[in-house]
C-alpha atoms as a PDB file:
ATOM      1  CA  MET A   1       6.461 -30.910   6.227  1.00  0.00           C
ATOM      2  CA  ARG A   2       6.977 -31.164   9.639  1.00  0.00           C
ATOM      3  CA  ALA A   3      10.372 -29.605  11.157  1.00  0.00           C
ATOM      4  CA  ALA A   4      12.017 -28.925  14.708  1.00  0.00           C
ATOM      5  CA  VAL A   5      12.693 -25.367  14.188  1.00  0.00           C
ATOM      6  CA  PHE A   6      15.172 -22.708  16.572  1.00  0.00           C
ATOM      7  CA  ARG A   7      13.151 -19.957  17.441  1.00  0.00           C
ATOM      8  CA  ALA A   8      15.530 -18.270  20.432  1.00  0.00           C
ATOM      9  CA  VAL A   9      18.710 -19.224  22.695  1.00  0.00           C
ATOM     10  CA  GLY A  10      17.780 -21.255  25.466  1.00  0.00           C
ATOM     11  CA  GLN A  11      14.168 -22.691  24.618  1.00  0.00           C
ATOM     12  CA  PRO A  12      13.839 -26.245  23.614  1.00  0.00           C
ATOM     13  CA  LEU A  13      13.195 -26.480  19.439  1.00  0.00           C
ATOM     14  CA  ALA A  14       9.496 -26.575  18.224  1.00  0.00           C
ATOM     15  CA  ILE A  15       7.699 -29.020  15.733  1.00  0.00           C
ATOM     16  CA  GLU A  16       5.857 -27.196  13.525  1.00  0.00           C
ATOM     17  CA  GLU A  17       4.204 -27.213  10.059  1.00  0.00           C
ATOM     18  CA  VAL A  18       7.133 -25.643   7.365  1.00  0.00           C
ATOM     19  CA  ALA A  19       6.892 -24.758   3.804  1.00  0.00           C
ATOM     20  CA  ASP A  20       7.967 -27.752   1.661  1.00  0.00           C
ATOM     21  CA  PRO A  21      11.375 -26.879  -0.312  1.00  0.00           C
ATOM     22  CA  GLU A  22      11.202 -26.787  -4.117  1.00  0.00           C
ATOM     23  CA  PRO A  23      14.672 -27.638  -6.171  1.00  0.00           C
ATOM     24  CA  LEU A  24      16.042 -24.442  -8.206  1.00  0.00           C
ATOM     25  CA  ALA A  25      17.836 -25.799 -10.905  1.00  0.00           C
ATOM     26  CA  ASN A  26      20.777 -27.536 -10.356  1.00  0.00           C
ATOM     27  CA  GLU A  27      19.187 -28.793  -6.812  1.00  0.00           C
ATOM     28  CA  LEU A  28      17.628 -31.519  -5.697  1.00  0.00           C
ATOM     29  CA  VAL A  29      15.528 -32.385  -2.581  1.00  0.00           C
ATOM     30  CA  LEU A  30      15.705 -34.798  -0.211  1.00  0.00           C
ATOM     31  CA  ARG A  31      13.653 -37.174   1.501  1.00  0.00           C
ATOM     32  CA  VAL A  32      15.393 -37.024   4.753  1.00  0.00           C
ATOM     33  CA  LYS A  33      15.972 -40.925   6.579  1.00  0.00           C
ATOM     34  CA  SER A  34      18.495 -40.140   8.820  1.00  0.00           C
ATOM     35  CA  CYS A  35      19.846 -37.017  10.206  1.00  0.00           C
ATOM     36  CA  GLY A  36      22.560 -36.295  13.291  1.00  0.00           C
ATOM     37  CA  ILE A  37      22.318 -33.918  15.947  1.00  0.00           C
ATOM     38  CA  CYS A  38      25.687 -32.312  15.976  1.00  0.00           C
ATOM     39  CA  GLY A  39      27.413 -30.629  18.865  1.00  0.00           C
ATOM     40  CA  SER A  40      27.904 -27.227  16.689  1.00  0.00           C
ATOM     41  CA  ASP A  41      24.149 -27.357  16.916  1.00  0.00           C
ATOM     42  CA  LEU A  42      23.570 -28.137  20.451  1.00  0.00           C
ATOM     43  CA  HIS A  43      26.252 -25.130  21.031  1.00  0.00           C
ATOM     44  CA  VAL A  44      24.611 -22.518  18.659  1.00  0.00           C
ATOM     45  CA  SER A  45      21.145 -22.849  20.437  1.00  0.00           C
ATOM     46  CA  ASP A  46      22.148 -21.884  23.495  1.00  0.00           C
ATOM     47  CA  SER A  47      24.938 -18.920  22.970  1.00  0.00           C
ATOM     48  CA  PRO A  48      23.695 -15.447  22.495  1.00  0.00           C
ATOM     49  CA  PRO A  49      23.018 -14.606  19.734  1.00  0.00           C
ATOM     50  CA  GLY A  50      22.114 -17.889  18.319  1.00  0.00           C
ATOM     51  CA  LEU A  51      20.835 -18.371  15.183  1.00  0.00           C
ATOM     52  CA  PRO A  52      17.394 -16.087  13.113  1.00  0.00           C
ATOM     53  CA  ALA A  53      13.962 -17.569  14.400  1.00  0.00           C
ATOM     54  CA  GLY A  54      12.866 -19.653  12.219  1.00  0.00           C
ATOM     55  CA  THR A  55      15.617 -21.371  11.163  1.00  0.00           C
ATOM     56  CA  VAL A  56      15.606 -25.623  10.768  1.00  0.00           C
ATOM     57  CA  MET A  57      19.046 -26.968  11.693  1.00  0.00           C
ATOM     58  CA  GLY A  58      20.366 -30.273  10.858  1.00  0.00           C
ATOM     59  CA  HIS A  59      23.450 -31.093   8.587  1.00  0.00           C
ATOM     60  CA  GLU A  60      24.289 -34.446   9.038  1.00  0.00           C
ATOM     61  CA  PHE A  61      22.355 -36.278   6.894  1.00  0.00           C
ATOM     62  CA  ALA A  62      21.571 -38.728   4.032  1.00  0.00           C
ATOM     63  CA  GLY A  63      17.891 -39.040   2.235  1.00  0.00           C
ATOM     64  CA  GLU A  64      16.278 -39.819  -1.277  1.00  0.00           C
ATOM     65  CA  VAL A  65      15.333 -38.200  -4.295  1.00  0.00           C
ATOM     66  CA  VAL A  66      12.395 -37.164  -4.601  1.00  0.00           C
ATOM     67  CA  ALA A  67      13.020 -33.998  -6.427  1.00  0.00           C
ATOM     68  CA  VAL A  68      15.196 -33.219  -8.920  1.00  0.00           C
ATOM     69  CA  GLY A  69      16.039 -29.582 -10.223  1.00  0.00           C
ATOM     70  CA  SER A  70      15.605 -28.600 -14.254  1.00  0.00           C
ATOM     71  CA  ASP A  71      19.258 -28.157 -15.111  1.00  0.00           C
ATOM     72  CA  ALA A  72      19.980 -31.518 -13.390  1.00  0.00           C
ATOM     73  CA  ARG A  73      17.459 -34.074 -14.900  1.00  0.00           C
ATOM     74  CA  GLU A  74      20.075 -35.872 -16.987  1.00  0.00           C
ATOM     75  CA  SER A  75      22.096 -36.686 -13.990  1.00  0.00           C
ATOM     76  CA  TRP A  76      20.203 -36.909 -11.386  1.00  0.00           C
ATOM     77  CA  LYS A  77      17.226 -39.372 -10.566  1.00  0.00           C
ATOM     78  CA  GLU A  78      13.724 -40.245  -8.197  1.00  0.00           C
ATOM     79  CA  GLY A  79      14.716 -42.538  -6.140  1.00  0.00           C
ATOM     80  CA  GLU A  80      18.744 -42.219  -5.414  1.00  0.00           C
ATOM     81  CA  ARG A  81      20.118 -42.454  -2.034  1.00  0.00           C
ATOM     82  CA  VAL A  82      22.516 -39.421  -1.460  1.00  0.00           C
ATOM     83  CA  CYS A  83      24.360 -37.692   1.114  1.00  0.00           C
ATOM     84  CA  ALA A  84      25.728 -34.108   0.641  1.00  0.00           C
ATOM     85  CA  LEU A  85      28.205 -31.506   2.147  1.00  0.00           C
ATOM     86  CA  PRO A  86      25.729 -29.570   3.708  1.00  0.00           C
ATOM     87  CA  TYR A  87      26.064 -26.178   1.916  1.00  0.00           C
ATOM     88  CA  ILE A  88      25.070 -25.134  -1.352  1.00  0.00           C
ATOM     89  CA  ALA A  89      27.500 -23.137  -3.796  1.00  0.00           C
ATOM     90  CA  CYS A  90      28.248 -21.838  -7.067  1.00  0.00           C
ATOM     91  CA  GLY A  91      29.739 -24.730  -8.368  1.00  0.00           C
ATOM     92  CA  ARG A  92      31.451 -22.952 -10.846  1.00  0.00           C
ATOM     93  CA  CYS A  93      34.314 -20.893  -9.198  1.00  0.00           C
ATOM     94  CA  ALA A  94      37.658 -22.011  -8.459  1.00  0.00           C
ATOM     95  CA  ALA A  95      37.220 -23.001  -4.939  1.00  0.00           C
ATOM     96  CA  CYS A  96      34.138 -25.065  -6.144  1.00  0.00           C
ATOM     97  CA  LEU A  97      36.171 -26.846  -8.745  1.00  0.00           C
ATOM     98  CA  ALA A  98      38.752 -27.671  -6.173  1.00  0.00           C
ATOM     99  CA  GLY A  99      36.070 -29.113  -3.773  1.00  0.00           C
ATOM    100  CA  ASP A 100      36.643 -26.694  -1.468  1.00  0.00           C
ATOM    101  CA  GLY A 101      32.858 -25.800  -1.767  1.00  0.00           C
ATOM    102  CA  THR A 102      33.242 -23.556   1.815  1.00  0.00           C
ATOM    103  CA  LEU A 103      35.657 -21.202   0.677  1.00  0.00           C
ATOM    104  CA  CYS A 104      33.164 -20.352  -1.954  1.00  0.00           C
ATOM    105  CA  SER A 105      31.918 -16.504  -2.100  1.00  0.00           C
ATOM    106  CA  LYS A 106      28.229 -17.616  -2.527  1.00  0.00           C
ATOM    107  CA  LEU A 107      28.191 -20.628  -0.059  1.00  0.00           C
ATOM    108  CA  LEU A 108      24.787 -20.476   1.817  1.00  0.00           C
ATOM    109  CA  ALA A 109      25.081 -23.076   4.472  1.00  0.00           C
ATOM    110  CA  THR A 110      22.817 -25.562   5.574  1.00  0.00           C
ATOM    111  CA  GLY A 111      20.976 -25.160   8.739  1.00  0.00           C
ATOM    112  CA  LEU A 112      22.611 -22.379  10.263  1.00  0.00           C
ATOM    113  CA  GLY A 113      20.521 -19.878   8.195  1.00  0.00           C
ATOM    114  CA  GLY A 114      21.211 -19.940   4.352  1.00  0.00           C
ATOM    115  CA  VAL A 115      19.331 -22.976   3.718  1.00  0.00           C
ATOM    116  CA  PRO A 116      17.032 -24.797   5.905  1.00  0.00           C
ATOM    117  CA  GLY A 117      18.504 -27.610   7.179  1.00  0.00           C
ATOM    118  CA  ALA A 118      17.626 -31.614   7.827  1.00  0.00           C
ATOM    119  CA  TYR A 119      15.715 -31.482  11.037  1.00  0.00           C
ATOM    120  CA  ALA A 120      12.918 -31.898   9.096  1.00  0.00           C
ATOM    121  CA  GLU A 121      11.421 -34.744   6.751  1.00  0.00           C
ATOM    122  CA  TYR A 122      12.738 -33.001   3.709  1.00  0.00           C
ATOM    123  CA  VAL A 123      15.989 -31.225   2.763  1.00  0.00           C
ATOM    124  CA  ARG A 124      17.122 -28.807  -0.013  1.00  0.00           C
ATOM    125  CA  VAL A 125      20.892 -30.120  -1.628  1.00  0.00           C
ATOM    126  CA  GLY A 126      23.379 -29.004  -4.416  1.00  0.00           C
ATOM    127  CA  THR A 127      24.428 -31.081  -7.069  1.00  0.00           C
ATOM    128  CA  HIS A 128      27.494 -29.817  -6.851  1.00  0.00           C
ATOM    129  CA  GLU A 129      27.959 -31.433  -3.038  1.00  0.00           C
ATOM    130  CA  SER A 130      25.729 -34.456  -3.248  1.00  0.00           C
ATOM    131  CA  LEU A 131      27.213 -37.490  -3.368  1.00  0.00           C
ATOM    132  CA  ARG A 132      25.463 -41.033  -4.056  1.00  0.00           C
ATOM    133  CA  LEU A 133      25.265 -43.813  -1.206  1.00  0.00           C
ATOM    134  CA  PRO A 134      26.147 -46.719  -2.001  1.00  0.00           C
ATOM    135  CA  GLU A 135      23.160 -49.604  -1.921  1.00  0.00           C
ATOM    136  CA  ALA A 136      25.790 -51.377   0.422  1.00  0.00           C
ATOM    137  CA  LEU A 137      25.408 -48.248   3.234  1.00  0.00           C
ATOM    138  CA  SER A 138      22.689 -48.177   5.535  1.00  0.00           C
ATOM    139  CA  TRP A 139      21.036 -44.829   6.056  1.00  0.00           C
ATOM    140  CA  GLU A 140      22.926 -44.068   9.612  1.00  0.00           C
ATOM    141  CA  ASP A 141      26.032 -44.705   7.015  1.00  0.00           C
ATOM    142  CA  GLY A 142      25.256 -41.810   5.115  1.00  0.00           C
ATOM    143  CA  ALA A 143      24.862 -39.419   7.777  1.00  0.00           C
ATOM    144  CA  THR A 144      28.108 -40.246   9.915  1.00  0.00           C
ATOM    145  CA  VAL A 145      29.755 -39.505   6.275  1.00  0.00           C
ATOM    146  CA  GLU A 146      29.826 -35.285   8.045  1.00  0.00           C
ATOM    147  CA  PRO A 147      31.285 -35.947  11.191  1.00  0.00           C
ATOM    148  CA  LEU A 148      33.541 -38.498  10.103  1.00  0.00           C
ATOM    149  CA  ALA A 149      34.878 -36.586   7.030  1.00  0.00           C
ATOM    150  CA  VAL A 150      35.581 -33.293   9.886  1.00  0.00           C
ATOM    151  CA  GLY A 151      37.785 -36.006  11.947  1.00  0.00           C
ATOM    152  CA  LEU A 152      39.288 -36.866   8.477  1.00  0.00           C
ATOM    153  CA  HIS A 153      40.036 -33.546   7.514  1.00  0.00           C
ATOM    154  CA  ALA A 154      41.177 -32.270  10.960  1.00  0.00           C
ATOM    155  CA  VAL A 155      44.030 -35.605  10.727  1.00  0.00           C
ATOM    156  CA  ARG A 156      45.352 -34.212   7.150  1.00  0.00           C
ATOM    157  CA  GLN A 157      45.691 -30.606   8.124  1.00  0.00           C
ATOM    158  CA  SER A 158      47.387 -32.076  11.190  1.00  0.00           C
ATOM    159  CA  ALA A 159      50.205 -33.361   9.162  1.00  0.00           C
ATOM    160  CA  LEU A 160      50.406 -36.638  11.214  1.00  0.00           C
ATOM    161  CA  GLU A 161      53.159 -39.019  10.284  1.00  0.00           C
ATOM    162  CA  PRO A 162      53.406 -43.164  10.958  1.00  0.00           C
ATOM    163  CA  GLY A 163      54.315 -43.702  15.028  1.00  0.00           C
ATOM    164  CA  ASP A 164      53.347 -40.529  16.387  1.00  0.00           C
ATOM    165  CA  ASP A 165      51.368 -39.707  19.491  1.00  0.00           C
ATOM    166  CA  VAL A 166      48.713 -38.771  19.771  1.00  0.00           C
ATOM    167  CA  LEU A 167      45.867 -37.184  22.157  1.00  0.00           C
ATOM    168  CA  VAL A 168      42.295 -36.962  21.449  1.00  0.00           C
ATOM    169  CA  ILE A 169      40.272 -34.767  23.822  1.00  0.00           C
ATOM    170  CA  GLY A 170      36.569 -35.203  23.915  1.00  0.00           C
ATOM    171  CA  ALA A 171      35.166 -38.474  22.824  1.00  0.00           C
ATOM    172  CA  GLY A 172      32.029 -36.906  21.461  1.00  0.00           C
ATOM    173  CA  PRO A 173      31.646 -37.940  17.877  1.00  0.00           C
ATOM    174  CA  ILE A 174      34.016 -35.908  16.271  1.00  0.00           C
ATOM    175  CA  GLY A 175      36.618 -36.865  18.415  1.00  0.00           C
ATOM    176  CA  LEU A 176      35.720 -40.472  17.736  1.00  0.00           C
ATOM    177  CA  ALA A 177      36.262 -39.886  14.147  1.00  0.00           C
ATOM    178  CA  THR A 178      39.676 -37.805  15.084  1.00  0.00           C
ATOM    179  CA  ALA A 179      41.147 -41.337  16.505  1.00  0.00           C
ATOM    180  CA  LEU A 180      39.443 -43.278  13.759  1.00  0.00           C
ATOM    181  CA  TRP A 181      41.513 -41.680  11.456  1.00  0.00           C
ATOM    182  CA  ALA A 182      44.548 -41.003  13.465  1.00  0.00           C
ATOM    183  CA  ARG A 183      45.255 -44.821  14.020  1.00  0.00           C
ATOM    184  CA  PHE A 184      44.276 -45.414  10.349  1.00  0.00           C
ATOM    185  CA  PHE A 185      46.732 -42.836   9.150  1.00  0.00           C
ATOM    186  CA  GLY A 186      49.006 -44.677  11.148  1.00  0.00           C
ATOM    187  CA  ALA A 187      49.608 -43.033  15.356  1.00  0.00           C
ATOM    188  CA  ARG A 188      51.416 -45.720  17.202  1.00  0.00           C
ATOM    189  CA  SER A 189      49.109 -44.566  20.279  1.00  0.00           C
ATOM    190  CA  VAL A 190      46.006 -42.586  20.128  1.00  0.00           C
ATOM    191  CA  VAL A 191      45.180 -41.687  23.873  1.00  0.00           C
ATOM    192  CA  VAL A 192      41.912 -39.878  24.461  1.00  0.00           C
ATOM    193  CA  SER A 193      40.849 -38.233  26.898  1.00  0.00           C
ATOM    194  CA  GLU A 194      36.995 -37.738  28.390  1.00  0.00           C
ATOM    195  CA  THR A 195      34.747 -37.490  31.226  1.00  0.00           C
ATOM    196  CA  ALA A 196      31.717 -39.695  30.656  1.00  0.00           C
ATOM    197  CA  PRO A 197      32.843 -43.311  31.179  1.00  0.00           C
ATOM    198  CA  GLY A 198      30.503 -45.046  28.242  1.00  0.00           C
ATOM    199  CA  ARG A 199      31.643 -42.457  25.951  1.00  0.00           C
ATOM    200  CA  LEU A 200      35.390 -43.391  26.894  1.00  0.00           C
ATOM    201  CA  GLU A 201      34.053 -47.130  26.561  1.00  0.00           C
ATOM    202  CA  LEU A 202      33.250 -46.437  23.050  1.00  0.00           C
ATOM    203  CA  ALA A 203      36.305 -44.771  22.495  1.00  0.00           C
ATOM    204  CA  GLN A 204      38.279 -48.232  21.928  1.00  0.00           C
ATOM    205  CA  ARG A 205      36.223 -48.927  19.083  1.00  0.00           C
ATOM    206  CA  PHE A 206      37.086 -45.917  17.361  1.00  0.00           C
ATOM    207  CA  GLY A 207      41.344 -46.756  17.205  1.00  0.00           C
ATOM    208  CA  ALA A 208      41.311 -45.271  20.983  1.00  0.00           C
ATOM    209  CA  THR A 209      44.408 -47.168  22.174  1.00  0.00           C
ATOM    210  CA  HIS A 210      44.316 -46.067  25.921  1.00  0.00           C
ATOM    211  CA  GLY A 211      40.921 -43.897  28.114  1.00  0.00           C
ATOM    212  CA  ILE A 212      42.176 -40.741  30.521  1.00  0.00           C
ATOM    213  CA  ASP A 213      38.832 -40.230  32.597  1.00  0.00           C
ATOM    214  CA  ALA A 214      39.627 -36.224  32.954  1.00  0.00           C
ATOM    215  CA  SER A 215      37.693 -35.758  35.727  1.00  0.00           C
ATOM    216  CA  LYS A 216      39.722 -38.262  37.842  1.00  0.00           C
ATOM    217  CA  GLU A 217      43.252 -37.930  36.462  1.00  0.00           C
ATOM    218  CA  ASN A 218      45.595 -35.453  35.229  1.00  0.00           C
ATOM    219  CA  VAL A 219      45.945 -35.940  31.509  1.00  0.00           C
ATOM    220  CA  ALA A 220      49.080 -34.840  30.645  1.00  0.00           C
ATOM    221  CA  ALA A 221      51.115 -36.997  34.002  1.00  0.00           C
ATOM    222  CA  ALA A 222      48.244 -39.760  32.315  1.00  0.00           C
ATOM    223  CA  PHE A 223      49.478 -39.247  28.915  1.00  0.00           C
ATOM    224  CA  THR A 224      52.979 -40.004  29.637  1.00  0.00           C
ATOM    225  CA  ARG A 225      52.508 -42.821  32.378  1.00  0.00           C
ATOM    226  CA  LEU A 226      50.411 -44.804  29.264  1.00  0.00           C
ATOM    227  CA  THR A 227      52.696 -44.203  26.439  1.00  0.00           C
ATOM    228  CA  GLY A 228      56.397 -43.330  27.985  1.00  0.00           C
ATOM    229  CA  GLY A 229      56.579 -39.385  26.832  1.00  0.00           C
ATOM    230  CA  PRO A 230      54.208 -36.580  25.657  1.00  0.00           C
ATOM    231  CA  PRO A 231      52.267 -36.288  22.119  1.00  0.00           C
ATOM    232  CA  ARG A 232      53.192 -34.882  19.355  1.00  0.00           C
ATOM    233  CA  ILE A 233      49.781 -33.872  18.518  1.00  0.00           C
ATOM    234  CA  LEU A 234      46.699 -32.551  20.715  1.00  0.00           C
ATOM    235  CA  PHE A 235      43.287 -32.276  19.074  1.00  0.00           C
ATOM    236  CA  GLU A 236      40.997 -30.268  20.757  1.00  0.00           C
ATOM    237  CA  CYS A 237      37.786 -32.022  20.135  1.00  0.00           C
ATOM    238  CA  VAL A 238      35.470 -30.009  22.398  1.00  0.00           C
ATOM    239  CA  GLY A 239      35.056 -26.344  22.322  1.00  0.00           C
ATOM    240  CA  VAL A 240      34.731 -24.806  25.401  1.00  0.00           C
ATOM    241  CA  PRO A 241      36.336 -21.812  27.025  1.00  0.00           C
ATOM    242  CA  GLY A 242      39.618 -22.453  28.809  1.00  0.00           C
ATOM    243  CA  LEU A 243      40.412 -26.019  26.721  1.00  0.00           C
ATOM    244  CA  LEU A 244      42.412 -24.223  24.412  1.00  0.00           C
ATOM    245  CA  GLN A 245      45.166 -22.928  27.501  1.00  0.00           C
ATOM    246  CA  GLN A 246      44.963 -26.314  28.311  1.00  0.00           C
ATOM    247  CA  CYS A 247      46.481 -27.536  25.888  1.00  0.00           C
ATOM    248  CA  ILE A 248      48.858 -25.056  25.386  1.00  0.00           C
ATOM    249  CA  MET A 249      49.329 -26.004  29.200  1.00  0.00           C
ATOM    250  CA  MET A 250      49.715 -29.826  28.540  1.00  0.00           C
ATOM    251  CA  ALA A 251      51.604 -29.887  25.000  1.00  0.00           C
ATOM    252  CA  PRO A 252      55.718 -29.897  24.926  1.00  0.00           C
ATOM    253  CA  ALA A 253      58.000 -28.275  23.146  1.00  0.00           C
ATOM    254  CA  ARG A 254      57.160 -27.638  19.031  1.00  0.00           C
ATOM    255  CA  ALA A 255      54.052 -30.433  19.298  1.00  0.00           C
ATOM    256  CA  LYS A 256      51.382 -29.141  17.543  1.00  0.00           C
ATOM    257  CA  VAL A 257      47.781 -28.346  18.737  1.00  0.00           C
ATOM    258  CA  VAL A 258      44.703 -28.990  16.108  1.00  0.00           C
ATOM    259  CA  VAL A 259      41.503 -26.993  17.301  1.00  0.00           C
ATOM    260  CA  VAL A 260      38.992 -29.099  15.636  1.00  0.00           C
ATOM    261  CA  GLY A 261      35.922 -27.834  18.709  1.00  0.00           C
ATOM    262  CA  VAL A 262      34.072 -25.179  17.485  1.00  0.00           C
ATOM    263  CA  CYS A 263      34.080 -22.859  21.029  1.00  0.00           C
ATOM    264  CA  MET A 264      30.654 -20.377  20.278  1.00  0.00           C
ATOM    265  CA  GLN A 265      32.172 -18.154  23.560  1.00  0.00           C
ATOM    266  CA  PRO A 266      35.160 -15.476  23.832  1.00  0.00           C
ATOM    267  CA  ASP A 267      38.538 -17.500  24.986  1.00  0.00           C
ATOM    268  CA  THR A 268      41.074 -16.509  26.410  1.00  0.00           C
ATOM    269  CA  ILE A 269      44.890 -17.549  25.850  1.00  0.00           C
ATOM    270  CA  PHE A 270      48.316 -16.814  27.385  1.00  0.00           C
ATOM    271  CA  PRO A 271      50.224 -16.784  24.517  1.00  0.00           C
ATOM    272  CA  GLY A 272      53.899 -16.587  25.734  1.00  0.00           C
ATOM    273  CA  MET A 273      53.781 -19.670  27.084  1.00  0.00           C
ATOM    274  CA  ALA A 274      52.660 -21.318  23.432  1.00  0.00           C
ATOM    275  CA  ILE A 275      55.728 -19.030  22.715  1.00  0.00           C
ATOM    276  CA  VAL A 276      58.288 -20.203  24.836  1.00  0.00           C
ATOM    277  CA  LYS A 277      57.642 -23.807  23.339  1.00  0.00           C
ATOM    278  CA  GLU A 278      57.146 -23.111  19.948  1.00  0.00           C
ATOM    279  CA  LEU A 279      53.828 -24.303  19.650  1.00  0.00           C
ATOM    280  CA  SER A 280      52.078 -24.696  16.158  1.00  0.00           C
ATOM    281  CA  LEU A 281      48.057 -23.808  16.628  1.00  0.00           C
ATOM    282  CA  GLN A 282      46.136 -25.281  13.428  1.00  0.00           C
ATOM    283  CA  PHE A 283      42.462 -24.477  13.697  1.00  0.00           C
ATOM    284  CA  VAL A 284      40.617 -26.537  11.024  1.00  0.00           C
ATOM    285  CA  VAL A 285      36.638 -26.043   9.859  1.00  0.00           C
ATOM    286  CA  ALA A 286      34.441 -28.813   8.246  1.00  0.00           C
ATOM    287  CA  TYR A 287      35.689 -30.719   5.313  1.00  0.00           C
ATOM    288  CA  ARG A 288      36.288 -30.673   1.605  1.00  0.00           C
ATOM    289  CA  ARG A 289      34.769 -33.205  -0.962  1.00  0.00           C
ATOM    290  CA  PRO A 290      37.596 -35.312  -1.361  1.00  0.00           C
ATOM    291  CA  ASP A 291      37.539 -35.926   2.855  1.00  0.00           C
ATOM    292  CA  PHE A 292      33.610 -36.803   2.221  1.00  0.00           C
ATOM    293  CA  GLN A 293      34.509 -39.156  -0.785  1.00  0.00           C
ATOM    294  CA  LEU A 294      37.189 -41.251   1.387  1.00  0.00           C
ATOM    295  CA  THR A 295      34.622 -41.600   3.954  1.00  0.00           C
ATOM    296  CA  LEU A 296      32.138 -43.197   1.504  1.00  0.00           C
ATOM    297  CA  ASP A 297      34.854 -45.650   0.316  1.00  0.00           C
ATOM    298  CA  MET A 298      36.456 -46.672   2.950  1.00  0.00           C
ATOM    299  CA  LEU A 299      32.630 -46.946   4.434  1.00  0.00           C
ATOM    300  CA  GLU A 300      32.007 -49.115   1.702  1.00  0.00           C
ATOM    301  CA  ALA A 301      34.996 -50.904   1.641  1.00  0.00           C
ATOM    302  CA  GLY A 302      34.413 -52.594   5.242  1.00  0.00           C
ATOM    303  CA  ARG A 303      37.719 -50.289   6.209  1.00  0.00           C
ATOM    304  CA  ILE A 304      36.403 -48.091   8.625  1.00  0.00           C
ATOM    305  CA  GLU A 305      33.107 -48.423  10.622  1.00  0.00           C
ATOM    306  CA  SER A 306      30.853 -45.456  12.157  1.00  0.00           C
ATOM    307  CA  ALA A 307      27.483 -48.056  13.572  1.00  0.00           C
ATOM    308  CA  PRO A 308      29.223 -48.110  17.201  1.00  0.00           C
ATOM    309  CA  MET A 309      28.533 -44.085  17.140  1.00  0.00           C
ATOM    310  CA  VAL A 310      24.389 -44.408  16.870  1.00  0.00           C
ATOM    311  CA  THR A 311      23.437 -44.987  20.334  1.00  0.00           C
ATOM    312  CA  ASP A 312      20.117 -43.466  20.095  1.00  0.00           C
ATOM    313  CA  ARG A 313      17.083 -42.532  17.481  1.00  0.00           C
ATOM    314  CA  VAL A 314      14.178 -40.581  17.804  1.00  0.00           C
ATOM    315  CA  ASP A 315      11.397 -39.196  16.015  1.00  0.00           C
ATOM    316  CA  LEU A 316      10.252 -35.993  15.476  1.00  0.00           C
ATOM    317  CA  ASP A 317       8.239 -36.011  18.317  1.00  0.00           C
ATOM    318  CA  GLY A 318      10.936 -37.193  20.533  1.00  0.00           C
ATOM    319  CA  PHE A 319      13.160 -34.752  19.267  1.00  0.00           C
ATOM    320  CA  PRO A 320      13.348 -31.779  21.096  1.00  0.00           C
ATOM    321  CA  ALA A 321      13.083 -33.526  24.743  1.00  0.00           C
ATOM    322  CA  ALA A 322      16.466 -36.057  22.835  1.00  0.00           C
ATOM    323  CA  PHE A 323      18.200 -32.394  21.975  1.00  0.00           C
ATOM    324  CA  GLU A 324      17.620 -31.175  25.026  1.00  0.00           C
ATOM    325  CA  ALA A 325      19.057 -33.838  26.335  1.00  0.00           C
ATOM    326  CA  LEU A 326      21.904 -34.266  24.763  1.00  0.00           C
ATOM    327  CA  LYS A 327      23.187 -30.772  25.905  1.00  0.00           C
ATOM    328  CA  LYS A 328      24.331 -33.270  29.029  1.00  0.00           C
ATOM    329  CA  PRO A 329      25.099 -36.525  27.674  1.00  0.00           C
ATOM    330  CA  THR A 330      25.609 -39.358  30.067  1.00  0.00           C
ATOM    331  CA  HIS A 331      25.252 -42.649  27.596  1.00  0.00           C
ATOM    332  CA  GLN A 332      24.221 -40.752  24.141  1.00  0.00           C
ATOM    333  CA  CYS A 333      27.204 -40.320  21.796  1.00  0.00           C
ATOM    334  CA  LYS A 334      25.437 -39.714  17.749  1.00  0.00           C
ATOM    335  CA  VAL A 335      21.505 -39.641  18.712  1.00  0.00           C
ATOM    336  CA  MET A 336      20.017 -39.990  14.979  1.00  0.00           C
ATOM    337  CA  LEU A 337      16.922 -38.297  13.736  1.00  0.00           C
ATOM    338  CA  GLU A 338      14.681 -40.601  11.661  1.00  0.00           C
ATOM    339  CA  PRO A 339      11.699 -38.119  10.418  1.00  0.00           C
ATOM    340  CA  ALA A 340       9.479 -41.077   8.992  1.00  0.00           C
END
């Protein structure tokens, strides 16, 4: 099959012929229909030490079942539509049975060196991690379940209460997903700060009540002007060095800073300021299986939508250039690979 292959930090992905995946007993092989580019892939491709040479990235995907493992043939059939959590875990330990497969000691991460990812024509997934994609949803809807579930998990972990005023830093896909769920669960004000004008406009379609151009305004002062007071919860959804300290400086006393963006470089904070303010610092990662299921249910019910997030579509031949361009986005938000 053809795939976009990582060779070295700072080098464009290469389109190569690689071996077709074969399912193990409790696995499926999907023909990839849509796969989104994730910011963490952009970061890791440019940040030493990177990934093992030959890695196929891609962990936001949906596809059609084309092969079923020997122990899964009573439960799964070829032709079914699927999205999946991007890892293969044991499916039997306490963490897996609780829907917390990211904590499984035998976890193999998809697209990060454990299992080849979905920047390819086919991808291997575990049956325990697979969910059926309702017919009412598109392949692109299925591929956006993963970033939407990241935002859902972040908001759940924040302990947001109805009526809270929140600041979301960054209007990339994860920031948009976080804004969407913050509004869904009753935040009074959802203020999104961003430097790209196109993304600020898009934020309004994902629950933002206000937008701040961080390249032109002081974010903390603008937030107070727009809402009448400071934020109780700040979601850092970018993941670059220095931004966490900026959040600590902006946060009022006894606020919570939720770190959603994945920073791949060493960073420095000044704990004294956080201590004086009695801030809560919450790091979050990924999601649980119930987050995926609720996201699917709300998409199917029409209570949330993901379509406006998708701004660009590209095939494998154009994929390396689109991947590089997204490192310095202009209008782009979610770029979808359509391998076929």
